[in-house]
Amino acid sequence: MSQNWTPPSAAGGSAPIPNYLVPSIVAILCCWPLAIPAIIFATQVNSNVAAGNIPAAQEASAKAKKFMKLAFIIGSIWYVLVIIFYVFVFGIALLSNAH
């Protein structure tokens, strides 16, 4: 998965700060309550860099990454549990109809 990168600030040649916007948007499919804050923080990165507030941009980037990862992890766990539940329920239904 590719990440969006902000351009380096005009004040210095510092490394670009990832904004994680695209993976945060994709994370909506996994766990939207955590993906929404990830998107909000991801959109703050570019504006903070443009304003020259690099520490705030780095903090927003870190928060976007944290919420995006949590959305993917919790969403993945949720989907696995749902699949296990359906397999269990349909397995019980098939066993009860077999007799």
N, C-alpha and C. Protein backbone atom coordinates (compact mmCIF):
# COMPACT_ATOMS: atom_id res chain seq x y z
N MET A 1 0.85 -1.16 0.00
CA MET A 1 0.00 0.00 0.00
C MET A 1 0.89 1.23 0.00
N SER A 2 0.63 2.13 -0.92
CA SER A 2 1.46 3.33 -1.00
C SER A 2 0.96 4.38 -0.03
N GLN A 3 1.85 5.24 0.37
CA GLN A 3 1.52 6.31 1.30
C GLN A 3 1.70 7.63 0.58
N ASN A 4 0.85 8.59 0.94
CA ASN A 4 1.02 9.93 0.39
C ASN A 4 2.11 10.62 1.18
N TRP A 5 2.93 11.37 0.49
CA TRP A 5 4.03 12.07 1.15
C TRP A 5 3.86 13.55 0.94
N THR A 6 4.12 14.29 1.99
CA THR A 6 4.06 15.74 1.88
C THR A 6 5.39 16.25 1.35
N PRO A 7 5.37 17.35 0.65
CA PRO A 7 6.64 17.89 0.17
C PRO A 7 7.47 18.43 1.32
N PRO A 8 8.77 18.45 1.18
CA PRO A 8 9.60 19.00 2.24
C PRO A 8 9.30 20.48 2.43
N SER A 9 9.48 20.93 3.65
CA SER A 9 9.19 22.34 3.93
C SER A 9 10.21 23.24 3.25
N ALA A 10 9.78 24.46 2.95
CA ALA A 10 10.66 25.42 2.29
C ALA A 10 11.74 25.93 3.23
N ALA A 11 11.49 25.81 4.54
CA ALA A 11 12.44 26.34 5.53
C ALA A 11 13.70 25.50 5.62
N GLY A 12 13.57 24.22 5.32
CA GLY A 12 14.75 23.37 5.46
C GLY A 12 14.62 22.13 4.61
N GLY A 13 15.66 21.37 4.55
CA GLY A 13 15.65 20.16 3.75
C GLY A 13 15.30 18.94 4.56
N SER A 14 14.36 19.05 5.45
CA SER A 14 14.01 17.92 6.30
C SER A 14 13.29 16.85 5.48
N ALA A 15 13.27 15.65 6.02
CA ALA A 15 12.63 14.53 5.34
C ALA A 15 11.13 14.76 5.25
N PRO A 16 10.51 14.25 4.20
CA PRO A 16 9.06 14.42 4.06
C PRO A 16 8.31 13.66 5.16
N ILE A 17 7.16 14.17 5.50
CA ILE A 17 6.35 13.58 6.56
C ILE A 17 5.17 12.85 5.91
N PRO A 18 5.03 11.54 6.14
CA PRO A 18 3.90 10.81 5.54
C PRO A 18 2.58 11.25 6.15
N ASN A 19 1.54 11.36 5.32
CA ASN A 19 0.25 11.76 5.88
C ASN A 19 -0.72 10.59 6.05
N TYR A 20 -0.46 9.43 5.46
CA TYR A 20 -1.26 8.21 5.63
C TYR A 20 -2.72 8.40 5.23
N LEU A 21 -3.01 9.31 4.30
CA LEU A 21 -4.39 9.57 3.94
C LEU A 21 -5.03 8.40 3.19
N VAL A 22 -4.35 7.86 2.21
CA VAL A 22 -4.93 6.76 1.42
C VAL A 22 -5.19 5.52 2.28
N PRO A 23 -4.21 5.05 3.08
CA PRO A 23 -4.53 3.88 3.91
C PRO A 23 -5.59 4.18 4.97
N SER A 24 -5.67 5.44 5.41
CA SER A 24 -6.71 5.79 6.37
C SER A 24 -8.09 5.71 5.74
N ILE A 25 -8.19 6.11 4.48
CA ILE A 25 -9.47 6.01 3.78
C ILE A 25 -9.84 4.55 3.55
N VAL A 26 -8.87 3.73 3.20
CA VAL A 26 -9.13 2.29 3.00
C VAL A 26 -9.53 1.64 4.32
N ALA A 27 -9.01 2.15 5.43
CA ALA A 27 -9.31 1.57 6.75
C ALA A 27 -10.78 1.71 7.12
N ILE A 28 -11.52 2.58 6.40
CA ILE A 28 -12.96 2.70 6.66
C ILE A 28 -13.64 1.36 6.45
N LEU A 29 -13.14 0.55 5.54
CA LEU A 29 -13.73 -0.76 5.27
C LEU A 29 -13.52 -1.73 6.43
N CYS A 30 -12.55 -1.45 7.27
CA CYS A 30 -12.26 -2.35 8.39
C CYS A 30 -12.96 -1.91 9.67
N CYS A 31 -12.75 -0.68 10.06
CA CYS A 31 -13.31 -0.20 11.33
C CYS A 31 -13.48 1.31 11.23
N TRP A 32 -14.65 1.75 10.77
CA TRP A 32 -14.83 3.18 10.50
C TRP A 32 -14.73 4.07 11.74
N PRO A 33 -15.11 3.62 12.95
CA PRO A 33 -14.96 4.53 14.09
C PRO A 33 -13.51 4.94 14.36
N LEU A 34 -12.57 4.10 14.00
CA LEU A 34 -11.16 4.45 14.17
C LEU A 34 -10.56 5.05 12.91
N ALA A 35 -11.16 4.78 11.77
CA ALA A 35 -10.65 5.33 10.52
C ALA A 35 -10.97 6.82 10.39
N ILE A 36 -12.07 7.26 10.95
CA ILE A 36 -12.44 8.68 10.86
C ILE A 36 -11.40 9.57 11.53
N PRO A 37 -10.98 9.29 12.79
CA PRO A 37 -9.91 10.12 13.35
C PRO A 37 -8.60 10.02 12.56
N ALA A 38 -8.33 8.84 11.98
CA ALA A 38 -7.13 8.70 11.17
C ALA A 38 -7.18 9.63 9.97
N ILE A 39 -8.33 9.73 9.34
CA ILE A 39 -8.48 10.63 8.19
C ILE A 39 -8.35 12.08 8.63
N ILE A 40 -8.93 12.42 9.75
CA ILE A 40 -8.85 13.80 10.25
C ILE A 40 -7.40 14.19 10.52
N PHE A 41 -6.66 13.32 11.20
CA PHE A 41 -5.25 13.63 11.48
C PHE A 41 -4.42 13.63 10.20
N ALA A 42 -4.75 12.73 9.27
CA ALA A 42 -3.99 12.67 8.01
C ALA A 42 -4.16 13.96 7.20
N THR A 43 -5.36 14.54 7.25
CA THR A 43 -5.57 15.78 6.51
C THR A 43 -4.90 16.98 7.17
N GLN A 44 -4.57 16.87 8.44
CA GLN A 44 -3.90 17.96 9.14
C GLN A 44 -2.41 18.03 8.84
N VAL A 45 -1.84 16.95 8.35
CA VAL A 45 -0.39 16.90 8.13
C VAL A 45 0.03 17.94 7.09
N ASN A 46 -0.59 17.92 5.93
CA ASN A 46 -0.19 18.83 4.86
C ASN A 46 -0.36 20.29 5.24
N SER A 47 -1.46 20.61 5.93
CA SER A 47 -1.68 22.01 6.30
C SER A 47 -0.67 22.47 7.34
N ASN A 48 -0.28 21.58 8.25
CA ASN A 48 0.73 21.95 9.23
C ASN A 48 2.10 22.14 8.58
N VAL A 49 2.42 21.29 7.59
CA VAL A 49 3.69 21.46 6.88
C VAL A 49 3.68 22.77 6.11
N ALA A 50 2.56 23.07 5.45
CA ALA A 50 2.46 24.31 4.68
C ALA A 50 2.57 25.53 5.58
N ALA A 51 2.08 25.42 6.81
CA ALA A 51 2.17 26.53 7.77
C ALA A 51 3.54 26.59 8.43
N GLY A 52 4.39 25.60 8.18
CA GLY A 52 5.71 25.59 8.78
C GLY A 52 5.75 25.00 10.17
N ASN A 53 4.67 24.41 10.61
CA ASN A 53 4.59 23.82 11.95
C ASN A 53 4.93 22.34 11.85
N ILE A 54 6.22 22.05 11.72
CA ILE A 54 6.69 20.68 11.52
C ILE A 54 6.41 19.78 12.73
N PRO A 55 6.60 20.24 13.97
CA PRO A 55 6.28 19.34 15.10
C PRO A 55 4.80 18.93 15.12
N ALA A 56 3.91 19.86 14.80
CA ALA A 56 2.48 19.51 14.76
C ALA A 56 2.19 18.55 13.61
N ALA A 57 2.89 18.72 12.49
CA ALA A 57 2.71 17.82 11.36
C ALA A 57 3.19 16.41 11.71
N GLN A 58 4.31 16.32 12.41
CA GLN A 58 4.83 15.01 12.82
C GLN A 58 3.89 14.34 13.81
N GLU A 59 3.32 15.13 14.73
CA GLU A 59 2.38 14.58 15.71
C GLU A 59 1.11 14.10 15.02
N ALA A 60 0.59 14.88 14.08
CA ALA A 60 -0.61 14.48 13.35
C ALA A 60 -0.34 13.23 12.52
N SER A 61 0.84 13.13 11.93
CA SER A 61 1.21 11.95 11.16
C SER A 61 1.27 10.71 12.05
N ALA A 62 1.85 10.86 13.23
CA ALA A 62 1.95 9.72 14.15
C ALA A 62 0.56 9.28 14.61
N LYS A 63 -0.33 10.24 14.90
CA LYS A 63 -1.68 9.89 15.33
C LYS A 63 -2.46 9.24 14.19
N ALA A 64 -2.30 9.75 12.97
CA ALA A 64 -2.98 9.14 11.82
C ALA A 64 -2.52 7.70 11.64
N LYS A 65 -1.22 7.47 11.77
CA LYS A 65 -0.67 6.12 11.63
C LYS A 65 -1.23 5.21 12.72
N LYS A 66 -1.29 5.70 13.95
CA LYS A 66 -1.78 4.90 15.07
C LYS A 66 -3.24 4.49 14.86
N PHE A 67 -4.09 5.46 14.52
CA PHE A 67 -5.51 5.16 14.34
C PHE A 67 -5.74 4.27 13.11
N MET A 68 -4.96 4.49 12.06
CA MET A 68 -5.09 3.67 10.86
C MET A 68 -4.71 2.23 11.16
N LYS A 69 -3.61 2.02 11.87
CA LYS A 69 -3.20 0.66 12.22
C LYS A 69 -4.22 -0.02 13.13
N LEU A 70 -4.73 0.73 14.12
CA LEU A 70 -5.75 0.16 15.00
C LEU A 70 -7.00 -0.23 14.23
N ALA A 71 -7.40 0.60 13.26
CA ALA A 71 -8.57 0.28 12.45
C ALA A 71 -8.36 -1.01 11.68
N PHE A 72 -7.17 -1.18 11.08
CA PHE A 72 -6.89 -2.40 10.34
C PHE A 72 -6.83 -3.62 11.27
N ILE A 73 -6.20 -3.48 12.41
CA ILE A 73 -6.06 -4.61 13.33
C ILE A 73 -7.41 -5.02 13.91
N ILE A 74 -8.15 -4.06 14.44
CA ILE A 74 -9.45 -4.38 15.05
C ILE A 74 -10.44 -4.86 13.99
N GLY A 75 -10.41 -4.24 12.82
CA GLY A 75 -11.28 -4.68 11.74
C GLY A 75 -10.97 -6.09 11.30
N SER A 76 -9.69 -6.42 11.20
CA SER A 76 -9.30 -7.77 10.80
C SER A 76 -9.74 -8.80 11.84
N ILE A 77 -9.54 -8.48 13.09
CA ILE A 77 -9.98 -9.39 14.16
C ILE A 77 -11.50 -9.57 14.11
N TRP A 78 -12.22 -8.47 13.89
CA TRP A 78 -13.68 -8.53 13.82
C TRP A 78 -14.12 -9.44 12.67
N TYR A 79 -13.52 -9.28 11.49
CA TYR A 79 -13.91 -10.10 10.35
C TYR A 79 -13.61 -11.57 10.59
N VAL A 80 -12.50 -11.88 11.22
CA VAL A 80 -12.17 -13.27 11.54
C VAL A 80 -13.19 -13.85 12.51
N LEU A 81 -13.57 -13.08 13.53
CA LEU A 81 -14.56 -13.56 14.49
C LEU A 81 -15.93 -13.78 13.84
N VAL A 82 -16.30 -12.90 12.92
CA VAL A 82 -17.57 -13.07 12.21
C VAL A 82 -17.55 -14.34 11.37
N ILE A 83 -16.44 -14.59 10.68
CA ILE A 83 -16.33 -15.80 9.86
C ILE A 83 -16.41 -17.04 10.74
N ILE A 84 -15.71 -17.03 11.87
CA ILE A 84 -15.76 -18.17 12.80
C ILE A 84 -17.19 -18.37 13.30
N PHE A 85 -17.88 -17.29 13.62
CA PHE A 85 -19.25 -17.39 14.10
C PHE A 85 -20.15 -18.03 13.04
N TYR A 86 -20.04 -17.55 11.79
CA TYR A 86 -20.88 -18.12 10.73
C TYR A 86 -20.56 -19.58 10.47
N VAL A 87 -19.30 -19.94 10.48
CA VAL A 87 -18.93 -21.34 10.29
C VAL A 87 -19.51 -22.18 11.43
N PHE A 88 -19.45 -21.69 12.64
CA PHE A 88 -19.98 -22.41 13.79
C PHE A 88 -21.50 -22.56 13.67
N VAL A 89 -22.18 -21.46 13.38
CA VAL A 89 -23.65 -21.50 13.31
C VAL A 89 -24.11 -22.40 12.18
N PHE A 90 -23.51 -22.27 10.99
CA PHE A 90 -23.92 -23.13 9.89
C PHE A 90 -23.51 -24.58 10.13
N GLY A 91 -22.42 -24.80 10.82
CA GLY A 91 -22.03 -26.17 11.18
C GLY A 91 -23.03 -26.81 12.11
N ILE A 92 -23.48 -26.06 13.10
CA ILE A 92 -24.50 -26.59 14.02
C ILE A 92 -25.81 -26.85 13.27
N ALA A 93 -26.17 -25.94 12.37
CA ALA A 93 -27.40 -26.11 11.61
C ALA A 93 -27.33 -27.35 10.71
N LEU A 94 -26.18 -27.57 10.08
CA LEU A 94 -26.04 -28.75 9.25
C LEU A 94 -26.07 -30.03 10.06
N LEU A 95 -25.45 -30.02 11.23
CA LEU A 95 -25.44 -31.20 12.09
C LEU A 95 -26.83 -31.50 12.63
N SER A 96 -27.60 -30.49 12.95
CA SER A 96 -28.94 -30.72 13.49
C SER A 96 -29.89 -31.21 12.40
N ASN A 97 -29.67 -30.84 11.16
CA ASN A 97 -30.52 -31.28 10.05
C ASN A 97 -30.10 -32.65 9.53
N ALA A 98 -28.93 -33.12 9.90
CA ALA A 98 -28.43 -34.41 9.41
C ALA A 98 -29.15 -35.58 10.03
N HIS A 99 -29.82 -35.40 11.16
CA HIS A 99 -30.46 -36.52 11.84
C HIS A 99 -31.86 -36.63 11.44
